[in-house]
PDB file of N, CA and C in Angstrom:
ATOM      1  N   MET A   1       1.617  13.348  -4.545  1.00  0.00           N
ATOM      2  CA  MET A   1       2.078  12.264  -3.611  1.00  0.00           C
ATOM      3  C   MET A   1       2.351  11.074  -4.256  1.00  0.00           C
ATOM      4  N   LYS A   2       3.673  10.383  -3.971  1.00  0.00           N
ATOM      5  CA  LYS A   2       4.200   9.309  -4.424  1.00  0.00           C
ATOM      6  C   LYS A   2       3.630   8.021  -3.633  1.00  0.00           C
ATOM      7  N   SER A   3       3.453   7.012  -4.320  1.00  0.00           N
ATOM      8  CA  SER A   3       3.134   5.822  -3.650  1.00  0.00           C
ATOM      9  C   SER A   3       3.927   4.653  -4.461  1.00  0.00           C
ATOM     10  N   ILE A   4       4.159   3.477  -3.927  1.00  0.00           N
ATOM     11  CA  ILE A   4       4.790   2.278  -4.504  1.00  0.00           C
ATOM     12  C   ILE A   4       4.127   1.224  -4.446  1.00  0.00           C
ATOM     13  N   ASP A   5       4.232   0.406  -5.403  1.00  0.00           N
ATOM     14  CA  ASP A   5       3.303  -0.906  -5.795  1.00  0.00           C
ATOM     15  C   ASP A   5       4.424  -1.928  -5.806  1.00  0.00           C
ATOM     16  N   LEU A   6       4.526  -2.796  -4.629  1.00  0.00           N
ATOM     17  CA  LEU A   6       5.435  -3.689  -4.685  1.00  0.00           C
ATOM     18  C   LEU A   6       4.649  -5.138  -5.125  1.00  0.00           C
ATOM     19  N   VAL A   7       5.226  -5.690  -6.155  1.00  0.00           N
ATOM     20  CA  VAL A   7       4.502  -6.842  -6.631  1.00  0.00           C
ATOM     21  C   VAL A   7       5.243  -8.206  -6.376  1.00  0.00           C
ATOM     22  N   PHE A   8       4.424  -9.108  -5.646  1.00  0.00           N
ATOM     23  CA  PHE A   8       5.215 -10.440  -5.232  1.00  0.00           C
ATOM     24  C   PHE A   8       4.396 -11.623  -6.025  1.00  0.00           C
ATOM     25  N   ARG A   9       5.049 -12.685  -6.197  1.00  0.00           N
ATOM     26  CA  ARG A   9       4.500 -14.138  -6.420  1.00  0.00           C
ATOM     27  C   ARG A   9       4.088 -14.615  -5.190  1.00  0.00           C
ATOM     28  N   SER A  10       2.892 -15.060  -5.363  1.00  0.00           N
ATOM     29  CA  SER A  10       2.201 -15.752  -4.173  1.00  0.00           C
ATOM     30  C   SER A  10       2.451 -17.405  -4.323  1.00  0.00           C
ATOM     31  N   ASN A  11       2.683 -18.142  -2.955  1.00  0.00           N
ATOM     32  CA  ASN A  11       2.594 -19.601  -3.190  1.00  0.00           C
ATOM     33  C   ASN A  11       1.210 -20.076  -3.151  1.00  0.00           C
ATOM     34  N   ILE A  12       0.296 -19.234  -3.415  1.00  0.00           N
ATOM     35  CA  ILE A  12      -0.962 -19.774  -3.786  1.00  0.00           C
ATOM     36  C   ILE A  12      -1.489 -19.780  -5.189  1.00  0.00           C
ATOM     37  N   ASN A  13      -1.394 -20.845  -5.658  1.00  0.00           N
ATOM     38  CA  ASN A  13      -1.324 -21.006  -7.303  1.00  0.00           C
ATOM     39  C   ASN A  13      -0.555 -20.126  -8.143  1.00  0.00           C
ATOM     40  N   GLY A  14       0.516 -19.564  -7.632  1.00  0.00           N
ATOM     41  CA  GLY A  14       1.570 -18.803  -8.274  1.00  0.00           C
ATOM     42  C   GLY A  14       0.975 -17.403  -8.903  1.00  0.00           C
ATOM     43  N   GLY A  15       0.005 -16.909  -8.139  1.00  0.00           N
ATOM     44  CA  GLY A  15      -0.659 -15.481  -8.350  1.00  0.00           C
ATOM     45  C   GLY A  15       0.122 -14.405  -8.008  1.00  0.00           C
ATOM     46  N   LEU A  16      -0.167 -13.308  -8.603  1.00  0.00           N
ATOM     47  CA  LEU A  16       0.570 -11.935  -8.077  1.00  0.00           C
ATOM     48  C   LEU A  16      -0.449 -11.398  -7.214  1.00  0.00           C
ATOM     49  N   ARG A  17       0.503 -10.911  -6.103  1.00  0.00           N
ATOM     50  CA  ARG A  17      -0.024 -10.088  -4.848  1.00  0.00           C
ATOM     51  C   ARG A  17       0.713  -8.700  -4.937  1.00  0.00           C
ATOM     52  N   HIS A  18      -0.143  -7.687  -4.628  1.00  0.00           N
ATOM     53  CA  HIS A  18       0.387  -6.131  -4.639  1.00  0.00           C
ATOM     54  C   HIS A  18       0.174  -5.679  -3.324  1.00  0.00           C
ATOM     55  N   LEU A  19       1.402  -5.071  -2.826  1.00  0.00           N
ATOM     56  CA  LEU A  19       1.415  -4.389  -1.583  1.00  0.00           C
ATOM     57  C   LEU A  19       1.802  -3.063  -1.932  1.00  0.00           C
ATOM     58  N   LYS A  20       0.520  -2.012  -1.773  1.00  0.00           N
ATOM     59  CA  LYS A  20       0.713  -0.547  -2.237  1.00  0.00           C
ATOM     60  C   LYS A  20       0.853   0.225  -0.949  1.00  0.00           C
ATOM     61  N   LEU A  21       1.925   0.944  -0.982  1.00  0.00           N
ATOM     62  CA  LEU A  21       2.212   1.922   0.092  1.00  0.00           C
ATOM     63  C   LEU A  21       2.249   3.211  -0.391  1.00  0.00           C
ATOM     64  N   SER A  22       1.678   4.253   0.414  1.00  0.00           N
ATOM     65  CA  SER A  22       1.592   5.714  -0.030  1.00  0.00           C
ATOM     66  C   SER A  22       2.523   6.434   1.052  1.00  0.00           C
ATOM     67  N   ASP A  23       2.809   7.733   0.365  1.00  0.00           N
ATOM     68  CA  ASP A  23       3.647   8.668   1.302  1.00  0.00           C
ATOM     69  C   ASP A  23       5.011   7.941   1.336  1.00  0.00           C
ATOM     70  N   VAL A  24       5.654   7.556   0.338  1.00  0.00           N
ATOM     71  CA  VAL A  24       6.997   6.818   0.543  1.00  0.00           C
ATOM     72  C   VAL A  24       8.174   7.598  -0.041  1.00  0.00           C
ATOM     73  N   LYS A  25       9.264   7.332   0.419  1.00  0.00           N
ATOM     74  CA  LYS A  25      10.449   8.226  -0.235  1.00  0.00           C
ATOM     75  C   LYS A  25      10.493   7.965  -1.638  1.00  0.00           C
ATOM     76  N   SER A  26      10.827   8.928  -2.377  1.00  0.00           N
ATOM     77  CA  SER A  26      10.856   8.967  -3.804  1.00  0.00           C
ATOM     78  C   SER A  26      12.266   8.518  -4.550  1.00  0.00           C
ATOM     79  N   ASP A  27      13.170   8.519  -3.754  1.00  0.00           N
ATOM     80  CA  ASP A  27      14.601   8.367  -4.119  1.00  0.00           C
ATOM     81  C   ASP A  27      15.417   6.979  -3.782  1.00  0.00           C
ATOM     82  N   LEU A  28      14.443   6.069  -3.588  1.00  0.00           N
ATOM     83  CA  LEU A  28      15.047   4.760  -3.169  1.00  0.00           C
ATOM     84  C   LEU A  28      15.380   4.075  -4.644  1.00  0.00           C
ATOM     85  N   ASP A  29      16.607   3.457  -4.593  1.00  0.00           N
ATOM     86  CA  ASP A  29      17.002   2.523  -5.800  1.00  0.00           C
ATOM     87  C   ASP A  29      16.446   1.310  -5.876  1.00  0.00           C
ATOM     88  N   ALA A  30      16.671   0.491  -6.852  1.00  0.00           N
ATOM     89  CA  ALA A  30      16.134  -0.746  -7.004  1.00  0.00           C
ATOM     90  C   ALA A  30      16.831  -1.775  -6.004  1.00  0.00           C
ATOM     91  N   ASP A  31      17.980  -1.639  -5.750  1.00  0.00           N
ATOM     92  CA  ASP A  31      18.661  -2.547  -4.859  1.00  0.00           C
ATOM     93  C   ASP A  31      18.215  -2.451  -3.373  1.00  0.00           C
ATOM     94  N   THR A  32      17.806  -1.185  -3.132  1.00  0.00           N
ATOM     95  CA  THR A  32      17.103  -0.931  -1.665  1.00  0.00           C
ATOM     96  C   THR A  32      15.664  -1.637  -1.611  1.00  0.00           C
ATOM     97  N   VAL A  33      15.131  -1.300  -2.732  1.00  0.00           N
ATOM     98  CA  VAL A  33      13.647  -1.947  -2.566  1.00  0.00           C
ATOM     99  C   VAL A  33      13.524  -3.392  -2.652  1.00  0.00           C
ATOM    100  N   LYS A  34      14.673  -4.000  -3.474  1.00  0.00           N
ATOM    101  CA  LYS A  34      14.750  -5.544  -3.539  1.00  0.00           C
ATOM    102  C   LYS A  34      15.048  -6.071  -2.315  1.00  0.00           C
ATOM    103  N   ASP A  35      15.897  -5.290  -1.553  1.00  0.00           N
ATOM    104  CA  ASP A  35      16.381  -5.741  -0.023  1.00  0.00           C
ATOM    105  C   ASP A  35      14.841  -5.636   0.743  1.00  0.00           C
ATOM    106  N   ILE A  36      14.306  -4.614   0.682  1.00  0.00           N
ATOM    107  CA  ILE A  36      13.184  -4.442   1.639  1.00  0.00           C
ATOM    108  C   ILE A  36      12.013  -5.582   1.321  1.00  0.00           C
ATOM    109  N   MET A  37      11.986  -5.733   0.019  1.00  0.00           N
ATOM    110  CA  MET A  37      10.891  -6.805  -0.537  1.00  0.00           C
ATOM    111  C   MET A  37      11.644  -8.217   0.093  1.00  0.00           C
ATOM    112  N   GLN A  38      12.607  -8.518   0.065  1.00  0.00           N
ATOM    113  CA  GLN A  38      13.235  -9.869   0.438  1.00  0.00           C
ATOM    114  C   GLN A  38      13.076  -9.761   2.082  1.00  0.00           C
ATOM    115  N   GLN A  39      13.260  -8.943   2.858  1.00  0.00           N
ATOM    116  CA  GLN A  39      12.897  -8.767   4.178  1.00  0.00           C
ATOM    117  C   GLN A  39      11.383  -9.033   4.587  1.00  0.00           C
ATOM    118  N   ILE A  40      10.484  -8.491   3.798  1.00  0.00           N
ATOM    119  CA  ILE A  40       9.193  -8.903   3.949  1.00  0.00           C
ATOM    120  C   ILE A  40       8.949 -10.235   3.481  1.00  0.00           C
ATOM    121  N   ILE A  41       9.438 -10.977   2.524  1.00  0.00           N
ATOM    122  CA  ILE A  41       9.343 -12.134   2.247  1.00  0.00           C
ATOM    123  C   ILE A  41       9.954 -13.250   3.401  1.00  0.00           C
ATOM    124  N   ASP A  42      11.050 -12.903   3.866  1.00  0.00           N
ATOM    125  CA  ASP A  42      11.680 -13.679   4.973  1.00  0.00           C
ATOM    126  C   ASP A  42      10.968 -13.410   6.150  1.00  0.00           C
ATOM    127  N   SER A  43      10.267 -12.479   6.443  1.00  0.00           N
ATOM    128  CA  SER A  43       9.560 -12.375   7.731  1.00  0.00           C
ATOM    129  C   SER A  43       8.331 -13.420   7.901  1.00  0.00           C
ATOM    130  N   LYS A  44       7.928 -13.735   6.569  1.00  0.00           N
ATOM    131  CA  LYS A  44       6.826 -14.818   6.643  1.00  0.00           C
ATOM    132  C   LYS A  44       5.751 -14.485   7.503  1.00  0.00           C
ATOM    133  N   MET A  45       5.435 -13.339   7.479  1.00  0.00           N
ATOM    134  CA  MET A  45       4.220 -12.668   8.244  1.00  0.00           C
ATOM    135  C   MET A  45       2.876 -12.619   7.686  1.00  0.00           C
ATOM    136  N   PHE A  46       3.132 -12.673   6.217  1.00  0.00           N
ATOM    137  CA  PHE A  46       1.799 -12.587   5.451  1.00  0.00           C
ATOM    138  C   PHE A  46       1.530 -14.219   4.764  1.00  0.00           C
ATOM    139  N   ALA A  47       0.524 -14.660   5.509  1.00  0.00           N
ATOM    140  CA  ALA A  47       0.176 -16.120   5.089  1.00  0.00           C
ATOM    141  C   ALA A  47      -1.337 -16.150   5.147  1.00  0.00           C
ATOM    142  N   ASP A  48      -1.915 -17.261   4.417  1.00  0.00           N
ATOM    143  CA  ASP A  48      -3.218 -17.461   4.596  1.00  0.00           C
ATOM    144  C   ASP A  48      -3.623 -18.256   5.823  1.00  0.00           C
ATOM    145  N   SER A  49      -4.790 -18.831   5.834  1.00  0.00           N
ATOM    146  CA  SER A  49      -5.178 -19.548   6.954  1.00  0.00           C
ATOM    147  C   SER A  49      -4.508 -20.979   6.887  1.00  0.00           C
ATOM    148  N   ASN A  50      -3.981 -21.501   5.834  1.00  0.00           N
ATOM    149  CA  ASN A  50      -3.386 -22.683   5.569  1.00  0.00           C
ATOM    150  C   ASN A  50      -1.779 -22.574   5.663  1.00  0.00           C
ATOM    151  N   ALA A  51      -1.372 -21.349   6.124  1.00  0.00           N
ATOM    152  CA  ALA A  51       0.152 -20.886   6.249  1.00  0.00           C
ATOM    153  C   ALA A  51       0.860 -20.914   4.894  1.00  0.00           C
ATOM    154  N   GLU A  52       0.034 -20.662   3.843  1.00  0.00           N
ATOM    155  CA  GLU A  52       0.753 -20.619   2.584  1.00  0.00           C
ATOM    156  C   GLU A  52       1.145 -19.130   2.318  1.00  0.00           C
ATOM    157  N   LEU A  53       2.256 -18.775   1.936  1.00  0.00           N
ATOM    158  CA  LEU A  53       2.774 -17.396   2.023  1.00  0.00           C
ATOM    159  C   LEU A  53       2.049 -16.676   0.787  1.00  0.00           C
ATOM    160  N   LEU A  54       1.560 -15.412   1.266  1.00  0.00           N
ATOM    161  CA  LEU A  54       0.976 -14.528   0.124  1.00  0.00           C
ATOM    162  C   LEU A  54       2.184 -13.933  -0.617  1.00  0.00           C
ATOM    163  N   TYR A  55       3.239 -13.475   0.294  1.00  0.00           N
ATOM    164  CA  TYR A  55       4.604 -13.008  -0.766  1.00  0.00           C
ATOM    165  C   TYR A  55       5.700 -13.936  -0.511  1.00  0.00           C
ATOM    166  N   SER A  56       5.984 -14.655  -1.546  1.00  0.00           N
ATOM    167  CA  SER A  56       7.025 -15.678  -1.691  1.00  0.00           C
ATOM    168  C   SER A  56       8.275 -15.154  -2.551  1.00  0.00           C
ATOM    169  N   LYS A  57       7.967 -14.211  -3.633  1.00  0.00           N
ATOM    170  CA  LYS A  57       8.947 -13.919  -4.607  1.00  0.00           C
ATOM    171  C   LYS A  57       8.750 -12.449  -5.027  1.00  0.00           C
ATOM    172  N   ALA A  58       9.834 -11.780  -4.835  1.00  0.00           N
ATOM    173  CA  ALA A  58       9.808 -10.509  -5.564  1.00  0.00           C
ATOM    174  C   ALA A  58       9.546 -10.358  -7.015  1.00  0.00           C
ATOM    175  N   VAL A  59       8.675  -9.749  -7.642  1.00  0.00           N
ATOM    176  CA  VAL A  59       8.298  -9.757  -9.235  1.00  0.00           C
ATOM    177  C   VAL A  59       8.814  -8.040  -9.745  1.00  0.00           C
ATOM    178  N   SER A  60       8.331  -7.204  -9.059  1.00  0.00           N
ATOM    179  CA  SER A  60       8.509  -5.841  -9.545  1.00  0.00           C
ATOM    180  C   SER A  60       8.170  -4.817  -8.600  1.00  0.00           C
ATOM    181  N   ALA A  61       8.486  -3.499  -8.926  1.00  0.00           N
ATOM    182  CA  ALA A  61       8.348  -2.460  -7.871  1.00  0.00           C
ATOM    183  C   ALA A  61       8.190  -1.164  -8.727  1.00  0.00           C
ATOM    184  N   VAL A  62       6.941  -0.572  -8.692  1.00  0.00           N
ATOM    185  CA  VAL A  62       6.757   0.661  -9.574  1.00  0.00           C
ATOM    186  C   VAL A  62       6.346   1.876  -8.664  1.00  0.00           C
ATOM    187  N   TYR A  63       6.895   3.059  -8.837  1.00  0.00           N
ATOM    188  CA  TYR A  63       6.650   4.256  -8.253  1.00  0.00           C
ATOM    189  C   TYR A  63       5.448   4.573  -9.067  1.00  0.00           C
ATOM    190  N   ILE A  64       4.386   5.017  -8.259  1.00  0.00           N
ATOM    191  CA  ILE A  64       3.157   5.784  -8.941  1.00  0.00           C
ATOM    192  C   ILE A  64       3.019   7.073  -8.454  1.00  0.00           C
ATOM    193  N   ASP A  65       3.025   8.049  -9.300  1.00  0.00           N
ATOM    194  CA  ASP A  65       3.051   9.594  -9.142  1.00  0.00           C
ATOM    195  C   ASP A  65       1.612  10.021  -9.502  1.00  0.00           C
ATOM    196  N   GLU A  66       0.862  10.134  -8.221  1.00  0.00           N
ATOM    197  CA  GLU A  66      -0.606  10.409  -8.348  1.00  0.00           C
ATOM    198  C   GLU A  66      -0.646  12.122  -8.335  1.00  0.00           C
ATOM    199  N   GLN A  67      -1.597  12.527  -9.187  1.00  0.00           N
ATOM    200  CA  GLN A  67      -1.917  13.892  -9.099  1.00  0.00           C
ATOM    201  C   GLN A  67      -3.257  14.189  -9.119  1.00  0.00           C
ATOM    202  N   ASP A  68      -4.062  14.988  -8.147  1.00  0.00           N
ATOM    203  CA  ASP A  68      -5.351  15.249  -8.314  1.00  0.00           C
ATOM    204  C   ASP A  68      -5.755  16.159  -9.332  1.00  0.00           C
ATOM    205  N   HIS A  69      -6.933  15.855 -10.027  1.00  0.00           N
ATOM    206  CA  HIS A  69      -7.296  16.602 -11.205  1.00  0.00           C
ATOM    207  C   HIS A  69      -8.788  17.089 -10.642  1.00  0.00           C
ATOM    208  N   VAL A  70      -8.826  18.291 -10.184  1.00  0.00           N
ATOM    209  CA  VAL A  70     -10.171  18.631  -9.748  1.00  0.00           C
ATOM    210  C   VAL A  70     -10.897  19.187 -10.855  1.00  0.00           C
ATOM    211  N   LEU A  71     -12.172  18.616 -10.838  1.00  0.00           N
ATOM    212  CA  LEU A  71     -13.149  18.672 -11.932  1.00  0.00           C
ATOM    213  C   LEU A  71     -14.101  19.997 -11.401  1.00  0.00           C
ATOM    214  N   PHE A  72     -14.462  19.838 -10.154  1.00  0.00           N
ATOM    215  CA  PHE A  72     -15.004  21.215  -9.723  1.00  0.00           C
ATOM    216  C   PHE A  72     -14.844  21.125  -8.161  1.00  0.00           C
ATOM    217  N   GLU A  73     -14.874  22.400  -7.580  1.00  0.00           N
ATOM    218  CA  GLU A  73     -14.901  22.583  -6.069  1.00  0.00           C
ATOM    219  C   GLU A  73     -15.634  23.578  -5.505  1.00  0.00           C
ATOM    220  N   GLU A  74     -16.649  23.183  -4.808  1.00  0.00           N
ATOM    221  CA  GLU A  74     -17.555  24.243  -4.270  1.00  0.00           C
ATOM    222  C   GLU A  74     -16.914  24.991  -3.225  1.00  0.00           C
ATOM    223  N   LYS A  75     -17.192  26.247  -3.055  1.00  0.00           N
ATOM    224  CA  LYS A  75     -16.492  26.964  -1.964  1.00  0.00           C
ATOM    225  C   LYS A  75     -17.421  27.706  -1.146  1.00  0.00           C
TER     226      LYS A  75
END
């Protein structure tokens, strides 16, 4: 199962915020992901109680390829 970790700079103390999504398309290119991240930023829908944006600048995007490693399985 592939997931993606979108990393943004926050307006709150300049910290980093992660938005992790699972079951994503695995063939997205960098420009497409940057555009999607910019749409998230432009929507301004993620903010704290003081209206400070949680996602204000795109920093990185990383595909994560997760594999299950079964240690034991009772049948």
